[in-house]
Amino acid sequence: MNATDRLAKAGLADTPDEAAAETPFAESERPGRESWLGLLLPVSLLLLWEVTARAGWLTQLFFPAPSVVVQTLIRLMASGELPRHLGISLQRIGQGFLLGAIPGLVLGLTMGWIRPVRLLLDPLISAFFTVPRLALFPLLMMIFGVGEASKIVIIAIGVFFPTLINSVAGVRAIHEVHFEVARSYGARPWSIFTRVVLPGSLPLIFAGLRLSLGLALLLVIGIEFISARTGLGAFLWFAWETFKTEHVYVGMLVAALLGAGIAAVLRLAEHWLLPWSEGLFHR
């Protein structure tokens, strides 16, 4: 009797049959099963909503059936009204994101890598980070006017801080031994930046970009509530003013799908650009 047989007999190790029974499920069946489990609750809630609304147990004025919402969505897409509002919101998000993410990324990497810069700017960044973004919007409208500039700037400010903070955290998460090895091989500062700082911080940078894009979506809808006649937020506000409940649900559905789509695109980009980071974190 070998050591494995003795451990199995004592109950301290799995028998070959037990190990074989566990492996296929863990490797192949579990991912598909988990994806179906993730859809089970929302699909069940939608079916329950549809049935109760059709049966008259829910007031159609406030809770229209999901099928009615989908029909309204198709009609608004076909008429071109919803794509027009959505395109304007996406344009504002894109311009504000670029205006805020690029400086946030550059300054965040600099602060994370160069300690004196971090010590100099960290108190100022911490103070301004706590100011609510929408509270700055009246001031920005005074400075930039009520046109597109103030809307894009407030989105840029909202994007700037998460990108900067995650960039700093990404650089500081790199172990010092990587810098020491690079220096011991005579690497110049630019080589250290391109071979150590940037690759090592990219996973957290992408996490910050996902957070920033979600915040940009929230901000664009908020400011379109306040001072816009076009855009997804303005569409929702007009639906509230005219008591078109199904339009409100359509706007919320489109916003949710837009956020999920943006997050999915960034995850695909991260998977494509950083395949080596897949095993760094528990999933």
C-alpha atoms as a PDB file:
ATOM      1  CA  MET A   1       0.000   0.000   0.000  1.00  0.00           C
ATOM      2  CA  ASN A   2       1.500   3.314  -1.101  1.00  0.00           C
ATOM      3  CA  ALA A   3       1.280   6.679   0.698  1.00  0.00           C
ATOM      4  CA  THR A   4      -1.736   7.864  -1.305  1.00  0.00           C
ATOM      5  CA  ASP A   5      -3.697   4.696  -0.513  1.00  0.00           C
ATOM      6  CA  ARG A   6      -2.866   5.019   3.197  1.00  0.00           C
ATOM      7  CA  LEU A   7      -4.045   8.689   3.227  1.00  0.00           C
ATOM      8  CA  ALA A   8      -7.255   7.781   1.398  1.00  0.00           C
ATOM      9  CA  LYS A   9      -7.932   4.951   3.817  1.00  0.00           C
ATOM     10  CA  ALA A  10      -7.435   7.317   6.746  1.00  0.00           C
ATOM     11  CA  GLY A  11      -9.840   9.820   5.176  1.00  0.00           C
ATOM     12  CA  LEU A  12      -7.167  12.484   4.670  1.00  0.00           C
ATOM     13  CA  ALA A  13      -7.159  12.418   0.866  1.00  0.00           C
ATOM     14  CA  ASP A  14      -9.791  12.043  -1.843  1.00  0.00           C
ATOM     15  CA  THR A  15     -10.008   8.765  -3.613  1.00  0.00           C
ATOM     16  CA  PRO A  16      -9.422   8.800  -7.396  1.00  0.00           C
ATOM     17  CA  ASP A  17     -13.170   8.331  -7.994  1.00  0.00           C
ATOM     18  CA  GLU A  18     -14.023  11.343  -5.789  1.00  0.00           C
ATOM     19  CA  ALA A  19     -11.429  13.538  -7.493  1.00  0.00           C
ATOM     20  CA  ALA A  20     -12.658  12.523 -10.942  1.00  0.00           C
ATOM     21  CA  ALA A  21     -16.237  13.290  -9.922  1.00  0.00           C
ATOM     22  CA  GLU A  22     -15.320  16.823  -8.780  1.00  0.00           C
ATOM     23  CA  THR A  23     -13.056  17.906 -11.654  1.00  0.00           C
ATOM     24  CA  PRO A  24     -15.409  17.956 -14.681  1.00  0.00           C
ATOM     25  CA  PHE A  25     -18.071  19.975 -12.856  1.00  0.00           C
ATOM     26  CA  ALA A  26     -15.555  22.503 -11.611  1.00  0.00           C
ATOM     27  CA  GLU A  27     -13.915  22.921 -14.999  1.00  0.00           C
ATOM     28  CA  SER A  28     -16.725  22.781 -17.538  1.00  0.00           C
ATOM     29  CA  GLU A  29     -20.224  22.814 -16.077  1.00  0.00           C
ATOM     30  CA  ARG A  30     -19.889  25.520 -13.466  1.00  0.00           C
ATOM     31  CA  PRO A  31     -19.293  28.588 -15.742  1.00  0.00           C
ATOM     32  CA  GLY A  32     -22.379  27.881 -17.862  1.00  0.00           C
ATOM     33  CA  ARG A  33     -24.447  27.108 -14.811  1.00  0.00           C
ATOM     34  CA  GLU A  34     -23.370  30.347 -13.125  1.00  0.00           C
ATOM     35  CA  SER A  35     -24.311  32.405 -16.199  1.00  0.00           C
ATOM     36  CA  TRP A  36     -27.798  30.878 -16.180  1.00  0.00           C
ATOM     37  CA  LEU A  37     -28.127  31.532 -12.466  1.00  0.00           C
ATOM     38  CA  GLY A  38     -27.298  35.189 -13.096  1.00  0.00           C
ATOM     39  CA  LEU A  39     -30.249  35.453 -15.516  1.00  0.00           C
ATOM     40  CA  LEU A  40     -32.704  33.509 -13.373  1.00  0.00           C
ATOM     41  CA  LEU A  41     -33.702  36.282 -10.969  1.00  0.00           C
ATOM     42  CA  PRO A  42     -34.203  39.161 -13.465  1.00  0.00           C
ATOM     43  CA  VAL A  43     -36.136  36.939 -15.898  1.00  0.00           C
ATOM     44  CA  SER A  44     -38.343  35.662 -13.067  1.00  0.00           C
ATOM     45  CA  LEU A  45     -39.034  39.210 -11.872  1.00  0.00           C
ATOM     46  CA  LEU A  46     -39.928  40.346 -15.406  1.00  0.00           C
ATOM     47  CA  LEU A  47     -42.313  37.420 -15.857  1.00  0.00           C
ATOM     48  CA  LEU A  48     -43.914  38.138 -12.502  1.00  0.00           C
ATOM     49  CA  TRP A  49     -44.244  41.820 -13.428  1.00  0.00           C
ATOM     50  CA  GLU A  50     -45.814  40.953 -16.795  1.00  0.00           C
ATOM     51  CA  VAL A  51     -48.332  38.555 -15.273  1.00  0.00           C
ATOM     52  CA  THR A  52     -49.375  40.843 -12.418  1.00  0.00           C
ATOM     53  CA  ALA A  53     -49.681  43.861 -14.743  1.00  0.00           C
ATOM     54  CA  ARG A  54     -51.798  41.902 -17.245  1.00  0.00           C
ATOM     55  CA  ALA A  55     -53.980  40.556 -14.436  1.00  0.00           C
ATOM     56  CA  GLY A  56     -54.672  44.084 -13.176  1.00  0.00           C
ATOM     57  CA  TRP A  57     -52.920  43.614  -9.855  1.00  0.00           C
ATOM     58  CA  LEU A  58     -50.569  46.483 -10.705  1.00  0.00           C
ATOM     59  CA  THR A  59     -51.662  49.928 -11.861  1.00  0.00           C
ATOM     60  CA  GLN A  60     -50.740  50.208 -15.535  1.00  0.00           C
ATOM     61  CA  LEU A  61     -50.352  53.964 -15.156  1.00  0.00           C
ATOM     62  CA  PHE A  62     -47.345  53.515 -12.854  1.00  0.00           C
ATOM     63  CA  PHE A  63     -46.233  49.985 -13.712  1.00  0.00           C
ATOM     64  CA  PRO A  64     -46.841  49.254 -17.407  1.00  0.00           C
ATOM     65  CA  ALA A  65     -46.182  45.679 -18.465  1.00  0.00           C
ATOM     66  CA  PRO A  66     -42.655  44.953 -19.734  1.00  0.00           C
ATOM     67  CA  SER A  67     -44.116  44.032 -23.129  1.00  0.00           C
ATOM     68  CA  VAL A  68     -45.645  47.527 -23.369  1.00  0.00           C
ATOM     69  CA  VAL A  69     -42.273  49.059 -22.509  1.00  0.00           C
ATOM     70  CA  VAL A  70     -40.557  47.000 -25.230  1.00  0.00           C
ATOM     71  CA  GLN A  71     -43.184  48.017 -27.798  1.00  0.00           C
ATOM     72  CA  THR A  72     -42.685  51.676 -26.847  1.00  0.00           C
ATOM     73  CA  LEU A  73     -38.924  51.262 -27.164  1.00  0.00           C
ATOM     74  CA  ILE A  74     -39.272  49.810 -30.675  1.00  0.00           C
ATOM     75  CA  ARG A  75     -41.625  52.608 -31.714  1.00  0.00           C
ATOM     76  CA  LEU A  76     -39.322  55.344 -30.385  1.00  0.00           C
ATOM     77  CA  MET A  77     -36.299  53.775 -32.066  1.00  0.00           C
ATOM     78  CA  ALA A  78     -38.133  53.499 -35.367  1.00  0.00           C
ATOM     79  CA  SER A  79     -39.273  57.133 -35.216  1.00  0.00           C
ATOM     80  CA  GLY A  80     -35.694  58.317 -34.633  1.00  0.00           C
ATOM     81  CA  GLU A  81     -36.572  60.266 -31.494  1.00  0.00           C
ATOM     82  CA  LEU A  82     -34.706  58.045 -29.057  1.00  0.00           C
ATOM     83  CA  PRO A  83     -31.571  57.598 -31.229  1.00  0.00           C
ATOM     84  CA  ARG A  84     -31.312  61.390 -31.519  1.00  0.00           C
ATOM     85  CA  HIS A  85     -31.370  61.881 -27.742  1.00  0.00           C
ATOM     86  CA  LEU A  86     -29.041  58.930 -27.181  1.00  0.00           C
ATOM     87  CA  GLY A  87     -26.522  60.175 -29.745  1.00  0.00           C
ATOM     88  CA  ILE A  88     -26.329  63.599 -28.119  1.00  0.00           C
ATOM     89  CA  SER A  89     -25.759  62.067 -24.672  1.00  0.00           C
ATOM     90  CA  LEU A  90     -23.063  59.758 -26.052  1.00  0.00           C
ATOM     91  CA  GLN A  91     -21.328  62.699 -27.675  1.00  0.00           C
ATOM     92  CA  ARG A  92     -21.251  64.573 -24.366  1.00  0.00           C
ATOM     93  CA  ILE A  93     -20.000  61.493 -22.535  1.00  0.00           C
ATOM     94  CA  GLY A  94     -17.243  60.901 -25.074  1.00  0.00           C
ATOM     95  CA  GLN A  95     -15.978  64.483 -25.063  1.00  0.00           C
ATOM     96  CA  GLY A  96     -16.119  64.783 -21.277  1.00  0.00           C
ATOM     97  CA  PHE A  97     -14.471  61.400 -20.802  1.00  0.00           C
ATOM     98  CA  LEU A  98     -11.508  62.260 -23.003  1.00  0.00           C
ATOM     99  CA  LEU A  99     -11.160  65.695 -21.430  1.00  0.00           C
ATOM    100  CA  GLY A 100     -11.071  64.225 -17.926  1.00  0.00           C
ATOM    101  CA  ALA A 101      -9.469  60.795 -18.339  1.00  0.00           C
ATOM    102  CA  ILE A 102      -6.311  61.857 -20.187  1.00  0.00           C
ATOM    103  CA  PRO A 103      -5.166  64.459 -17.599  1.00  0.00           C
ATOM    104  CA  GLY A 104      -6.262  62.149 -14.775  1.00  0.00           C
ATOM    105  CA  LEU A 105      -4.214  59.285 -16.193  1.00  0.00           C
ATOM    106  CA  VAL A 106      -1.092  61.374 -16.793  1.00  0.00           C
ATOM    107  CA  LEU A 107      -1.215  63.105 -13.411  1.00  0.00           C
ATOM    108  CA  GLY A 108      -2.094  59.875 -11.590  1.00  0.00           C
ATOM    109  CA  LEU A 109       0.870  57.996 -13.030  1.00  0.00           C
ATOM    110  CA  THR A 110       3.128  60.923 -12.180  1.00  0.00           C
ATOM    111  CA  MET A 111       1.872  61.136  -8.605  1.00  0.00           C
ATOM    112  CA  GLY A 112       2.182  57.397  -8.103  1.00  0.00           C
ATOM    113  CA  TRP A 113       5.728  57.247  -9.449  1.00  0.00           C
ATOM    114  CA  ILE A 114       7.231  60.485  -8.112  1.00  0.00           C
ATOM    115  CA  ARG A 115       6.793  60.799  -4.359  1.00  0.00           C
ATOM    116  CA  PRO A 116       7.369  64.605  -4.043  1.00  0.00           C
ATOM    117  CA  VAL A 117       4.652  65.277  -6.614  1.00  0.00           C
ATOM    118  CA  ARG A 118       2.278  63.019  -4.690  1.00  0.00           C
ATOM    119  CA  LEU A 119       3.038  64.720  -1.383  1.00  0.00           C
ATOM    120  CA  LEU A 120       2.526  68.134  -2.970  1.00  0.00           C
ATOM    121  CA  LEU A 121      -0.794  67.441  -4.710  1.00  0.00           C
ATOM    122  CA  ASP A 122      -2.448  64.801  -2.537  1.00  0.00           C
ATOM    123  CA  PRO A 123      -4.011  67.234   0.012  1.00  0.00           C
ATOM    124  CA  LEU A 124      -5.471  69.361  -2.780  1.00  0.00           C
ATOM    125  CA  ILE A 125      -6.826  66.341  -4.630  1.00  0.00           C
ATOM    126  CA  SER A 126      -8.359  64.950  -1.431  1.00  0.00           C
ATOM    127  CA  ALA A 127     -10.091  68.258  -0.690  1.00  0.00           C
ATOM    128  CA  PHE A 128     -11.609  68.713  -4.155  1.00  0.00           C
ATOM    129  CA  PHE A 129     -12.585  65.045  -4.465  1.00  0.00           C
ATOM    130  CA  THR A 130     -15.150  65.399  -1.661  1.00  0.00           C
ATOM    131  CA  VAL A 131     -17.044  68.233  -3.393  1.00  0.00           C
ATOM    132  CA  PRO A 132     -20.225  66.893  -5.062  1.00  0.00           C
ATOM    133  CA  ARG A 133     -19.874  67.185  -8.818  1.00  0.00           C
ATOM    134  CA  LEU A 134     -23.347  68.550  -9.481  1.00  0.00           C
ATOM    135  CA  ALA A 135     -22.770  71.233  -6.838  1.00  0.00           C
ATOM    136  CA  LEU A 136     -20.147  72.697  -9.162  1.00  0.00           C
ATOM    137  CA  PHE A 137     -22.529  72.916 -12.109  1.00  0.00           C
ATOM    138  CA  PRO A 138     -24.054  76.346 -11.290  1.00  0.00           C
ATOM    139  CA  LEU A 139     -20.556  77.828 -11.034  1.00  0.00           C
ATOM    140  CA  LEU A 140     -19.534  76.203 -14.311  1.00  0.00           C
ATOM    141  CA  MET A 141     -22.628  77.611 -16.029  1.00  0.00           C
ATOM    142  CA  MET A 142     -21.600  81.081 -14.821  1.00  0.00           C
ATOM    143  CA  ILE A 143     -18.082  80.596 -16.198  1.00  0.00           C
ATOM    144  CA  PHE A 144     -18.749  78.670 -19.419  1.00  0.00           C
ATOM    145  CA  GLY A 145     -22.362  79.596 -20.089  1.00  0.00           C
ATOM    146  CA  VAL A 146     -25.416  77.378 -20.404  1.00  0.00           C
ATOM    147  CA  GLY A 147     -24.245  75.729 -23.641  1.00  0.00           C
ATOM    148  CA  GLU A 148     -22.346  72.510 -24.230  1.00  0.00           C
ATOM    149  CA  ALA A 149     -19.064  73.642 -22.656  1.00  0.00           C
ATOM    150  CA  SER A 150     -20.346  73.610 -19.053  1.00  0.00           C
ATOM    151  CA  LYS A 151     -21.896  70.149 -19.521  1.00  0.00           C
ATOM    152  CA  ILE A 152     -18.697  68.673 -20.946  1.00  0.00           C
ATOM    153  CA  VAL A 153     -16.530  70.252 -18.237  1.00  0.00           C
ATOM    154  CA  ILE A 154     -18.653  68.857 -15.382  1.00  0.00           C
ATOM    155  CA  ILE A 155     -18.440  65.373 -16.930  1.00  0.00           C
ATOM    156  CA  ALA A 156     -14.670  65.800 -17.317  1.00  0.00           C
ATOM    157  CA  ILE A 157     -14.336  66.761 -13.644  1.00  0.00           C
ATOM    158  CA  GLY A 158     -16.337  63.700 -12.625  1.00  0.00           C
ATOM    159  CA  VAL A 159     -14.165  61.427 -14.777  1.00  0.00           C
ATOM    160  CA  PHE A 160     -10.883  63.027 -13.705  1.00  0.00           C
ATOM    161  CA  PHE A 161     -10.861  61.998 -10.053  1.00  0.00           C
ATOM    162  CA  PRO A 162     -11.598  58.231 -10.294  1.00  0.00           C
ATOM    163  CA  THR A 163      -9.086  57.913 -13.125  1.00  0.00           C
ATOM    164  CA  LEU A 164      -6.426  59.790 -11.164  1.00  0.00           C
ATOM    165  CA  ILE A 165      -6.979  57.929  -7.887  1.00  0.00           C
ATOM    166  CA  ASN A 166      -6.934  54.493  -9.533  1.00  0.00           C
ATOM    167  CA  SER A 167      -3.835  55.409 -11.539  1.00  0.00           C
ATOM    168  CA  VAL A 168      -2.017  56.413  -8.343  1.00  0.00           C
ATOM    169  CA  ALA A 169      -3.158  53.214  -6.626  1.00  0.00           C
ATOM    170  CA  GLY A 170      -2.065  51.127  -9.623  1.00  0.00           C
ATOM    171  CA  VAL A 171       1.489  52.504  -9.538  1.00  0.00           C
ATOM    172  CA  ARG A 172       1.780  52.209  -5.764  1.00  0.00           C
ATOM    173  CA  ALA A 173       0.603  48.592  -5.900  1.00  0.00           C
ATOM    174  CA  ILE A 174       3.705  47.621  -7.902  1.00  0.00           C
ATOM    175  CA  HIS A 175       6.220  45.957  -5.604  1.00  0.00           C
ATOM    176  CA  GLU A 176       9.457  47.844  -5.087  1.00  0.00           C
ATOM    177  CA  VAL A 177      11.494  44.824  -6.173  1.00  0.00           C
ATOM    178  CA  HIS A 178      10.423  45.412  -9.795  1.00  0.00           C
ATOM    179  CA  PHE A 179      11.915  48.901  -9.735  1.00  0.00           C
ATOM    180  CA  GLU A 180      15.090  47.610  -8.084  1.00  0.00           C
ATOM    181  CA  VAL A 181      15.554  44.912 -10.723  1.00  0.00           C
ATOM    182  CA  ALA A 182      15.028  47.452 -13.515  1.00  0.00           C
ATOM    183  CA  ARG A 183      17.582  49.823 -11.990  1.00  0.00           C
ATOM    184  CA  SER A 184      20.081  47.015 -11.430  1.00  0.00           C
ATOM    185  CA  TYR A 185      19.990  46.289 -15.159  1.00  0.00           C
ATOM    186  CA  GLY A 186      20.652  49.943 -15.907  1.00  0.00           C
ATOM    187  CA  ALA A 187      17.176  50.841 -17.135  1.00  0.00           C
ATOM    188  CA  ARG A 188      16.629  54.528 -17.802  1.00  0.00           C
ATOM    189  CA  PRO A 189      13.576  56.378 -16.386  1.00  0.00           C
ATOM    190  CA  TRP A 190      11.646  56.126 -19.655  1.00  0.00           C
ATOM    191  CA  SER A 191      12.302  52.380 -19.850  1.00  0.00           C
ATOM    192  CA  ILE A 192      11.193  51.963 -16.228  1.00  0.00           C
ATOM    193  CA  PHE A 193       7.986  53.849 -17.038  1.00  0.00           C
ATOM    194  CA  THR A 194       7.167  51.848 -20.168  1.00  0.00           C
ATOM    195  CA  ARG A 195       8.306  48.426 -18.864  1.00  0.00           C
ATOM    196  CA  VAL A 196       7.356  48.619 -15.168  1.00  0.00           C
ATOM    197  CA  VAL A 197       5.095  51.530 -14.215  1.00  0.00           C
ATOM    198  CA  LEU A 198       2.591  51.463 -17.065  1.00  0.00           C
ATOM    199  CA  PRO A 199       2.107  47.679 -17.465  1.00  0.00           C
ATOM    200  CA  GLY A 200       1.974  47.099 -13.711  1.00  0.00           C
ATOM    201  CA  SER A 201      -0.670  49.767 -13.124  1.00  0.00           C
ATOM    202  CA  LEU A 202      -2.936  49.005 -16.112  1.00  0.00           C
ATOM    203  CA  PRO A 203      -5.315  46.578 -14.308  1.00  0.00           C
ATOM    204  CA  LEU A 204      -6.269  49.212 -11.742  1.00  0.00           C
ATOM    205  CA  ILE A 205      -6.319  51.921 -14.419  1.00  0.00           C
ATOM    206  CA  PHE A 206      -8.931  49.955 -16.354  1.00  0.00           C
ATOM    207  CA  ALA A 207     -10.962  49.556 -13.172  1.00  0.00           C
ATOM    208  CA  GLY A 208     -10.847  53.330 -12.759  1.00  0.00           C
ATOM    209  CA  LEU A 209     -11.911  53.875 -16.374  1.00  0.00           C
ATOM    210  CA  ARG A 210     -14.942  51.615 -15.910  1.00  0.00           C
ATOM    211  CA  LEU A 211     -15.885  53.540 -12.791  1.00  0.00           C
ATOM    212  CA  SER A 212     -15.342  56.853 -14.579  1.00  0.00           C
ATOM    213  CA  LEU A 213     -17.548  55.933 -17.535  1.00  0.00           C
ATOM    214  CA  GLY A 214     -20.342  54.854 -15.191  1.00  0.00           C
ATOM    215  CA  LEU A 215     -20.052  58.143 -13.346  1.00  0.00           C
ATOM    216  CA  ALA A 216     -20.049  60.037 -16.667  1.00  0.00           C
ATOM    217  CA  LEU A 217     -23.360  58.388 -17.567  1.00  0.00           C
ATOM    218  CA  LEU A 218     -24.858  59.400 -14.218  1.00  0.00           C
ATOM    219  CA  LEU A 219     -23.621  62.966 -14.603  1.00  0.00           C
ATOM    220  CA  VAL A 220     -24.817  63.443 -18.166  1.00  0.00           C
ATOM    221  CA  ILE A 221     -28.345  62.390 -17.229  1.00  0.00           C
ATOM    222  CA  GLY A 222     -28.262  64.625 -14.156  1.00  0.00           C
ATOM    223  CA  ILE A 223     -27.147  67.744 -15.990  1.00  0.00           C
ATOM    224  CA  GLU A 224     -29.583  67.077 -18.831  1.00  0.00           C
ATOM    225  CA  PHE A 225     -32.340  67.109 -16.227  1.00  0.00           C
ATOM    226  CA  ILE A 226     -31.254  70.607 -15.238  1.00  0.00           C
ATOM    227  CA  SER A 227     -30.242  72.480 -18.381  1.00  0.00           C
ATOM    228  CA  ALA A 228     -30.805  70.631 -21.634  1.00  0.00           C
ATOM    229  CA  ARG A 229     -33.571  70.112 -24.150  1.00  0.00           C
ATOM    230  CA  THR A 230     -31.905  67.164 -25.841  1.00  0.00           C
ATOM    231  CA  GLY A 231     -30.237  64.059 -24.520  1.00  0.00           C
ATOM    232  CA  LEU A 232     -31.342  61.007 -22.574  1.00  0.00           C
ATOM    233  CA  GLY A 233     -31.843  63.000 -19.377  1.00  0.00           C
ATOM    234  CA  ALA A 234     -33.967  65.598 -21.168  1.00  0.00           C
ATOM    235  CA  PHE A 235     -36.003  62.747 -22.713  1.00  0.00           C
ATOM    236  CA  LEU A 236     -36.651  61.330 -19.238  1.00  0.00           C
ATOM    237  CA  TRP A 237     -37.535  64.743 -17.807  1.00  0.00           C
ATOM    238  CA  PHE A 238     -39.997  65.485 -20.599  1.00  0.00           C
ATOM    239  CA  ALA A 239     -41.585  62.053 -20.092  1.00  0.00           C
ATOM    240  CA  TRP A 240     -42.072  62.918 -16.405  1.00  0.00           C
ATOM    241  CA  GLU A 241     -43.575  66.319 -17.243  1.00  0.00           C
ATOM    242  CA  THR A 242     -46.056  64.775 -19.676  1.00  0.00           C
ATOM    243  CA  PHE A 243     -46.714  61.743 -17.423  1.00  0.00           C
ATOM    244  CA  LYS A 244     -45.670  59.232 -20.086  1.00  0.00           C
ATOM    245  CA  THR A 245     -44.737  56.449 -17.706  1.00  0.00           C
ATOM    246  CA  GLU A 246     -43.759  53.980 -20.415  1.00  0.00           C
ATOM    247  CA  HIS A 247     -41.297  56.551 -21.806  1.00  0.00           C
ATOM    248  CA  VAL A 248     -39.719  56.866 -18.356  1.00  0.00           C
ATOM    249  CA  TYR A 249     -39.197  53.096 -18.238  1.00  0.00           C
ATOM    250  CA  VAL A 250     -37.772  53.162 -21.765  1.00  0.00           C
ATOM    251  CA  GLY A 251     -35.277  55.857 -20.739  1.00  0.00           C
ATOM    252  CA  MET A 252     -34.209  53.899 -17.666  1.00  0.00           C
ATOM    253  CA  LEU A 253     -33.880  50.713 -19.729  1.00  0.00           C
ATOM    254  CA  VAL A 254     -31.730  52.446 -22.340  1.00  0.00           C
ATOM    255  CA  ALA A 255     -29.526  53.969 -19.623  1.00  0.00           C
ATOM    256  CA  ALA A 256     -29.060  50.542 -18.014  1.00  0.00           C
ATOM    257  CA  LEU A 257     -28.241  48.897 -21.357  1.00  0.00           C
ATOM    258  CA  LEU A 258     -25.855  51.720 -22.203  1.00  0.00           C
ATOM    259  CA  GLY A 259     -24.005  51.306 -18.909  1.00  0.00           C
ATOM    260  CA  ALA A 260     -23.810  47.541 -19.335  1.00  0.00           C
ATOM    261  CA  GLY A 261     -22.579  47.951 -22.910  1.00  0.00           C
ATOM    262  CA  ILE A 262     -19.864  50.404 -21.920  1.00  0.00           C
ATOM    263  CA  ALA A 263     -18.686  48.089 -19.139  1.00  0.00           C
ATOM    264  CA  ALA A 264     -18.655  45.101 -21.517  1.00  0.00           C
ATOM    265  CA  VAL A 265     -16.602  46.975 -24.118  1.00  0.00           C
ATOM    266  CA  LEU A 266     -14.039  47.983 -21.494  1.00  0.00           C
ATOM    267  CA  ARG A 267     -13.832  44.425 -20.178  1.00  0.00           C
ATOM    268  CA  LEU A 268     -13.194  43.155 -23.705  1.00  0.00           C
ATOM    269  CA  ALA A 269     -10.546  45.817 -24.216  1.00  0.00           C
ATOM    270  CA  GLU A 270      -8.898  44.867 -20.937  1.00  0.00           C
ATOM    271  CA  HIS A 271      -8.959  41.183 -21.847  1.00  0.00           C
ATOM    272  CA  TRP A 272      -7.415  41.955 -25.240  1.00  0.00           C
ATOM    273  CA  LEU A 273      -4.772  44.400 -24.018  1.00  0.00           C
ATOM    274  CA  LEU A 274      -3.936  42.683 -20.710  1.00  0.00           C
ATOM    275  CA  PRO A 275      -4.255  38.921 -21.181  1.00  0.00           C
ATOM    276  CA  TRP A 276      -1.479  38.396 -18.655  1.00  0.00           C
ATOM    277  CA  SER A 277      -3.557  39.995 -15.856  1.00  0.00           C
ATOM    278  CA  GLU A 278      -6.329  37.385 -15.940  1.00  0.00           C
ATOM    279  CA  GLY A 279      -4.795  35.293 -13.188  1.00  0.00           C
ATOM    280  CA  LEU A 280      -3.665  38.114 -10.918  1.00  0.00           C
ATOM    281  CA  PHE A 281      -6.929  38.466  -9.029  1.00  0.00           C
ATOM    282  CA  HIS A 282      -9.471  36.048  -7.660  1.00  0.00           C
ATOM    283  CA  ARG A 283     -12.501  35.791  -9.964  1.00  0.00           C
END
